[in-house]
């Protein structure tokens, strides 16, 4: 229980990290509600959830080796359950080809690679060195997770649209990285602290990109709205003229029989 009593700041930041991380884990709930309503996961990717599950499993193993890492165990235990639930729902509603691909990735990474890491760390590494090796593996995996949004940032720059980079998700990821950095710093666990420095920097970069391209996208939508209004207003007089011409033609047709009678 040393982590909980010896350093109050570590406890505070660990608790805040748990709360924010829980909210981040729940972020895909609207996506899976949409999948459930559509009864299809077509158009959505399973890889982010496979990577998140793999990261949670590694951190749980790391916390087990280090002992007394209750903050890491609690949030990654919850994350493990949530990510497994997401993947089960994804596979249930996935097309056959996507279902096979997803299950194959789960067996390769979440069972094969994770099992291999556990086996090699137990057989080849002894004592405290085991924590060091697994800690470095966790740090590298977490860095890879934080680097993943680079593709989204590149898409934002190319398209000048922030449609696929929600501000609040970037904000909460940045906040999450901040909490875990300070937690790692206060418990002197640099395998936790260092990757979250990159997470903080990438999160700030995403929010800056959002602020840069948000106004451009709003202006584009306003221009499109103005264009639509102009088109619709241009159509109204046309339909009015057509109606007037129709009435005039009807009047002529009606007058012709009267003229013939005369």
Protein backbone atom coordinates (compact mmCIF):
# COMPACT_ATOMS: atom_id res chain seq x y z
CA UNK A 1 0.00 0.00 0.00
CA UNK A 2 3.04 2.26 -0.15
CA UNK A 3 1.88 3.89 -3.35
CA UNK A 4 -1.35 4.96 -1.67
CA UNK A 5 0.13 6.36 1.57
CA UNK A 6 3.74 7.48 1.07
CA UNK A 7 3.05 10.04 -1.64
CA UNK A 8 -0.35 11.79 -1.53
CA UNK A 9 0.31 13.52 -4.86
CA UNK A 10 0.84 10.16 -6.55
CA UNK A 11 -2.51 9.01 -5.16
CA UNK A 12 -4.27 12.18 -6.35
CA UNK A 13 -2.87 12.02 -9.89
CA UNK A 14 -3.40 8.26 -10.05
CA UNK A 15 -7.04 8.70 -9.06
CA UNK A 16 -7.53 11.51 -11.58
CA UNK A 17 -5.79 9.39 -14.21
CA UNK A 18 -8.22 6.55 -13.50
CA UNK A 19 -11.23 8.84 -13.87
CA UNK A 20 -10.07 10.48 -17.12
CA UNK A 21 -8.89 7.16 -18.59
CA UNK A 22 -12.29 5.65 -17.81
CA UNK A 23 -13.96 8.46 -19.77
CA UNK A 24 -11.54 7.87 -22.68
CA UNK A 25 -12.35 4.14 -22.61
CA UNK A 26 -16.05 5.06 -22.86
CA UNK A 27 -15.52 7.43 -25.80
CA UNK A 28 -16.34 4.76 -28.46
CA UNK A 29 -19.74 3.96 -26.88
CA UNK A 30 -21.66 6.12 -29.45
CA UNK A 31 -19.83 4.27 -32.24
CA UNK A 32 -20.88 0.89 -30.90
CA UNK A 33 -24.41 2.09 -30.30
CA UNK A 34 -24.48 3.02 -33.97
CA UNK A 35 -23.11 -0.44 -34.87
CA UNK A 36 -25.81 -2.05 -32.72
CA UNK A 37 -28.58 0.01 -34.31
CA UNK A 38 -27.32 -0.73 -37.84
CA UNK A 39 -26.56 -4.38 -36.98
CA UNK A 40 -23.33 -3.94 -38.92
CA UNK A 41 -19.77 -2.85 -38.06
CA UNK A 42 -18.93 -2.28 -41.73
CA UNK A 43 -17.02 0.96 -42.23
CA UNK A 44 -15.40 0.88 -38.77
CA UNK A 45 -11.92 -0.40 -37.87
CA UNK A 46 -11.21 -2.99 -35.18
CA UNK A 47 -7.45 -2.30 -34.94
CA UNK A 48 -7.70 0.57 -32.37
CA UNK A 49 -9.57 -1.72 -29.96
CA UNK A 50 -7.12 -4.59 -30.50
CA UNK A 51 -4.18 -2.26 -29.77
CA UNK A 52 -5.94 -0.78 -26.71
CA UNK A 53 -6.64 -4.30 -25.39
CA UNK A 54 -3.01 -5.32 -25.99
CA UNK A 55 -1.76 -2.24 -24.12
CA UNK A 56 -4.11 -2.91 -21.17
CA UNK A 57 -2.94 -6.52 -20.95
CA UNK A 58 0.74 -5.52 -20.99
CA UNK A 59 0.23 -2.88 -18.29
CA UNK A 60 -1.64 -5.37 -16.13
CA UNK A 61 1.28 -7.80 -16.45
CA UNK A 62 3.74 -5.00 -15.68
CA UNK A 63 1.75 -3.96 -12.59
CA UNK A 64 1.62 -7.60 -11.44
CA UNK A 65 5.41 -7.90 -11.72
CA UNK A 66 6.08 -4.58 -9.98
CA UNK A 67 3.47 -5.19 -7.21
CA UNK A 68 1.52 -2.53 -5.29
CA UNK A 69 0.57 -0.72 -8.52
CA UNK A 70 -3.09 -0.53 -7.60
CA UNK A 71 -3.80 2.51 -9.76
CA UNK A 72 -2.48 0.79 -12.89
CA UNK A 73 -4.27 -2.46 -12.07
CA UNK A 74 -7.64 -0.78 -11.46
CA UNK A 75 -7.88 1.23 -14.68
CA UNK A 76 -6.35 -1.39 -16.95
CA UNK A 77 -8.57 -4.08 -15.45
CA UNK A 78 -11.58 -1.91 -16.33
CA UNK A 79 -10.07 -1.14 -19.74
CA UNK A 80 -9.53 -4.85 -20.41
CA UNK A 81 -13.22 -5.60 -19.77
CA UNK A 82 -14.40 -2.63 -21.87
CA UNK A 83 -12.14 -3.42 -24.85
CA UNK A 84 -13.13 -7.11 -24.82
CA UNK A 85 -16.78 -6.02 -24.83
CA UNK A 86 -16.15 -3.71 -27.81
CA UNK A 87 -14.40 -6.48 -29.76
CA UNK A 88 -17.17 -9.01 -29.03
CA UNK A 89 -19.79 -6.55 -30.31
CA UNK A 90 -17.62 -5.73 -33.32
CA UNK A 91 -17.19 -9.39 -34.27
CA UNK A 92 -20.90 -10.15 -33.79
CA UNK A 93 -21.93 -7.48 -36.30
CA UNK A 94 -18.92 -7.65 -38.65
CA UNK A 95 -19.14 -9.05 -42.20
CA UNK A 96 -17.60 -12.51 -42.57
CA UNK A 97 -14.28 -11.35 -44.07
CA UNK A 98 -13.81 -8.59 -41.47
CA UNK A 99 -14.79 -11.00 -38.69
CA UNK A 100 -12.08 -13.49 -39.72
CA UNK A 101 -9.50 -10.69 -40.07
CA UNK A 102 -10.31 -9.31 -36.60
CA UNK A 103 -10.19 -12.71 -34.90
CA UNK A 104 -6.88 -13.44 -36.61
CA UNK A 105 -5.38 -10.20 -35.28
CA UNK A 106 -6.68 -10.95 -31.77
CA UNK A 107 -5.05 -14.41 -31.83
CA UNK A 108 -1.78 -13.03 -33.22
CA UNK A 109 -1.34 -10.01 -30.94
CA UNK A 110 -3.50 -10.43 -27.85
CA UNK A 111 -2.79 -14.13 -27.44
CA UNK A 112 0.34 -14.95 -29.46
CA UNK A 113 2.56 -11.89 -28.97
CA UNK A 114 1.41 -11.26 -25.40
CA UNK A 115 1.92 -14.93 -24.49
CA UNK A 116 5.38 -14.86 -26.07
CA UNK A 117 6.35 -11.75 -24.06
CA UNK A 118 5.21 -13.42 -20.84
CA UNK A 119 6.99 -16.67 -21.64
CA UNK A 120 10.31 -15.06 -22.63
CA UNK A 121 10.27 -12.67 -19.68
CA UNK A 122 9.73 -15.57 -17.28
CA UNK A 123 12.27 -17.94 -18.86
CA UNK A 124 15.05 -15.54 -19.90
CA UNK A 125 14.91 -12.68 -17.39
CA UNK A 126 15.32 -13.04 -13.65
CA UNK A 127 14.49 -10.89 -10.64
CA UNK A 128 14.17 -7.10 -10.91
CA UNK A 129 15.38 -7.16 -14.52
CA UNK A 130 12.05 -8.67 -15.52
CA UNK A 131 10.24 -5.49 -14.43
CA UNK A 132 12.74 -3.41 -16.41
CA UNK A 133 12.30 -5.43 -19.62
CA UNK A 134 8.50 -5.49 -19.44
CA UNK A 135 8.50 -1.79 -18.48
CA UNK A 136 10.45 -0.89 -21.62
CA UNK A 137 8.07 -3.00 -23.74
CA UNK A 138 5.10 -1.17 -22.21
CA UNK A 139 6.77 2.19 -22.86
CA UNK A 140 7.40 1.33 -26.54
CA UNK A 141 3.82 0.10 -27.05
CA UNK A 142 2.40 3.21 -25.38
CA UNK A 143 4.59 5.40 -27.58
CA UNK A 144 3.23 3.58 -30.64
CA UNK A 145 -0.32 4.22 -29.40
CA UNK A 146 0.42 7.93 -28.97
CA UNK A 147 2.09 8.16 -32.41
CA UNK A 148 -0.93 6.55 -34.12
CA UNK A 149 -2.88 9.88 -34.36
CA UNK A 150 -0.20 11.22 -36.74
CA UNK A 151 -2.19 9.73 -39.62
CA UNK A 152 -5.29 11.65 -38.52
CA UNK A 153 -3.27 14.86 -38.15
CA UNK A 154 -1.89 14.39 -41.67
CA UNK A 155 -5.44 13.92 -42.95
CA UNK A 156 -6.55 17.14 -41.21
CA UNK A 157 -3.72 19.10 -42.84
CA UNK A 158 -4.42 17.58 -46.26
CA UNK A 159 -8.20 18.01 -46.23
CA UNK A 160 -8.26 21.14 -44.04
CA UNK A 161 -11.12 19.46 -42.16
CA UNK A 162 -11.32 18.47 -38.48
CA UNK A 163 -14.33 16.20 -39.03
CA UNK A 164 -12.44 13.05 -38.00
CA UNK A 165 -10.53 14.63 -35.09
CA UNK A 166 -13.04 15.61 -32.38
CA UNK A 167 -11.72 18.33 -30.10
CA UNK A 168 -12.99 16.81 -26.85
CA UNK A 169 -11.38 13.45 -27.54
CA UNK A 170 -8.03 15.19 -28.15
CA UNK A 171 -8.58 17.24 -24.99
CA UNK A 172 -9.30 14.23 -22.79
CA UNK A 173 -6.38 12.27 -24.24
CA UNK A 174 -4.09 15.21 -23.43
CA UNK A 175 -5.54 15.46 -19.94
CA UNK A 176 -5.12 11.69 -19.48
CA UNK A 177 -1.46 11.84 -20.56
CA UNK A 178 -0.87 14.73 -18.12
CA UNK A 179 -2.33 12.83 -15.15
CA UNK A 180 -0.32 9.68 -15.85
CA UNK A 181 2.87 11.63 -16.43
CA UNK A 182 2.64 13.18 -12.97
CA UNK A 183 1.65 9.86 -11.44
CA UNK A 184 4.72 8.19 -12.99
CA UNK A 185 6.87 11.14 -11.95
CA UNK A 186 5.80 11.05 -8.29
CA UNK A 187 6.18 7.27 -7.96
CA UNK A 188 9.45 7.46 -9.95
CA UNK A 189 8.15 5.10 -12.62
CA UNK A 190 9.61 6.52 -15.81
CA UNK A 191 8.21 3.67 -17.93
CA UNK A 192 4.83 5.26 -17.20
CA UNK A 193 5.93 8.91 -17.20
CA UNK A 194 8.05 9.12 -20.38
CA UNK A 195 5.51 7.83 -22.96
CA UNK A 196 2.95 10.25 -21.57
CA UNK A 197 5.24 13.18 -22.37
CA UNK A 198 4.77 12.26 -26.03
CA UNK A 199 1.06 11.78 -25.42
CA UNK A 200 0.83 15.29 -24.00
CA UNK A 201 2.78 16.82 -26.91
CA UNK A 202 0.72 15.03 -29.58
CA UNK A 203 -2.49 15.99 -27.79
CA UNK A 204 -1.49 19.67 -27.72
CA UNK A 205 -0.54 19.44 -31.43
CA UNK A 206 -3.97 17.99 -32.25
CA UNK A 207 -5.79 20.75 -30.39
CA UNK A 208 -3.68 23.42 -32.14
CA UNK A 209 -4.53 21.85 -35.52
CA UNK A 210 -8.18 21.83 -34.54
CA UNK A 211 -8.12 25.55 -33.71
CA UNK A 212 -6.29 26.32 -36.99
CA UNK A 213 -8.64 24.41 -39.29
CA UNK A 214 -11.89 24.76 -37.34
CA UNK A 215 -12.59 28.29 -38.66
CA UNK A 216 -11.76 27.22 -42.21
CA UNK A 217 -14.25 24.38 -42.02
CA UNK A 218 -16.94 26.64 -40.53
CA UNK A 219 -16.40 29.16 -43.33
CA UNK A 220 -16.63 26.36 -45.89
CA UNK A 221 -19.92 25.17 -44.39
CA UNK A 222 -21.25 28.75 -44.37
CA UNK A 223 -20.28 29.16 -48.03
CA UNK A 224 -21.99 25.89 -48.89
CA UNK A 225 -25.08 27.02 -46.95
CA UNK A 226 -25.10 30.37 -48.77
CA UNK A 227 -24.71 28.61 -52.11
CA UNK A 228 -27.62 26.29 -51.29
CA UNK A 229 -29.77 29.28 -50.30
CA UNK A 230 -28.92 31.06 -53.55
CA UNK A 231 -29.80 27.99 -55.57
CA UNK A 232 -33.08 27.51 -53.74
CA UNK A 233 -33.99 31.20 -54.05
CA UNK A 234 -33.11 31.12 -57.75
CA UNK A 235 -35.51 28.23 -58.21
CA UNK A 236 -38.46 29.99 -56.56
CA UNK A 237 -39.01 32.73 -59.21
CA UNK A 238 -38.60 30.14 -61.93
CA UNK A 239 -41.34 27.99 -60.49
CA UNK A 240 -43.48 31.13 -60.03
CA UNK A 241 -43.03 32.14 -63.71
CA UNK A 242 -43.86 28.65 -64.84
CA UNK A 243 -47.03 28.75 -62.78
CA UNK A 244 -47.97 32.15 -64.21
CA UNK A 245 -47.31 30.94 -67.75
CA UNK A 246 -49.41 27.87 -67.13
CA UNK A 247 -52.27 30.04 -65.93
CA UNK A 248 -51.91 32.31 -68.98
CA UNK A 249 -51.94 29.34 -71.35
CA UNK A 250 -55.04 28.00 -69.59
CA UNK A 251 -56.69 31.37 -70.02
CA UNK A 252 -55.87 31.37 -73.76
CA UNK A 253 -57.20 27.85 -74.16
CA UNK A 254 -60.36 28.80 -72.31
CA UNK A 255 -60.84 31.94 -74.43
CA UNK A 256 -60.49 30.14 -77.76
CA UNK A 257 -63.83 28.29 -77.63
CA UNK A 258 -65.60 31.54 -76.75
CA UNK A 259 -63.97 33.22 -79.74
CA UNK A 260 -65.03 30.37 -82.00
CA UNK A 261 -68.63 30.69 -80.89
CA UNK A 262 -68.64 34.30 -81.96
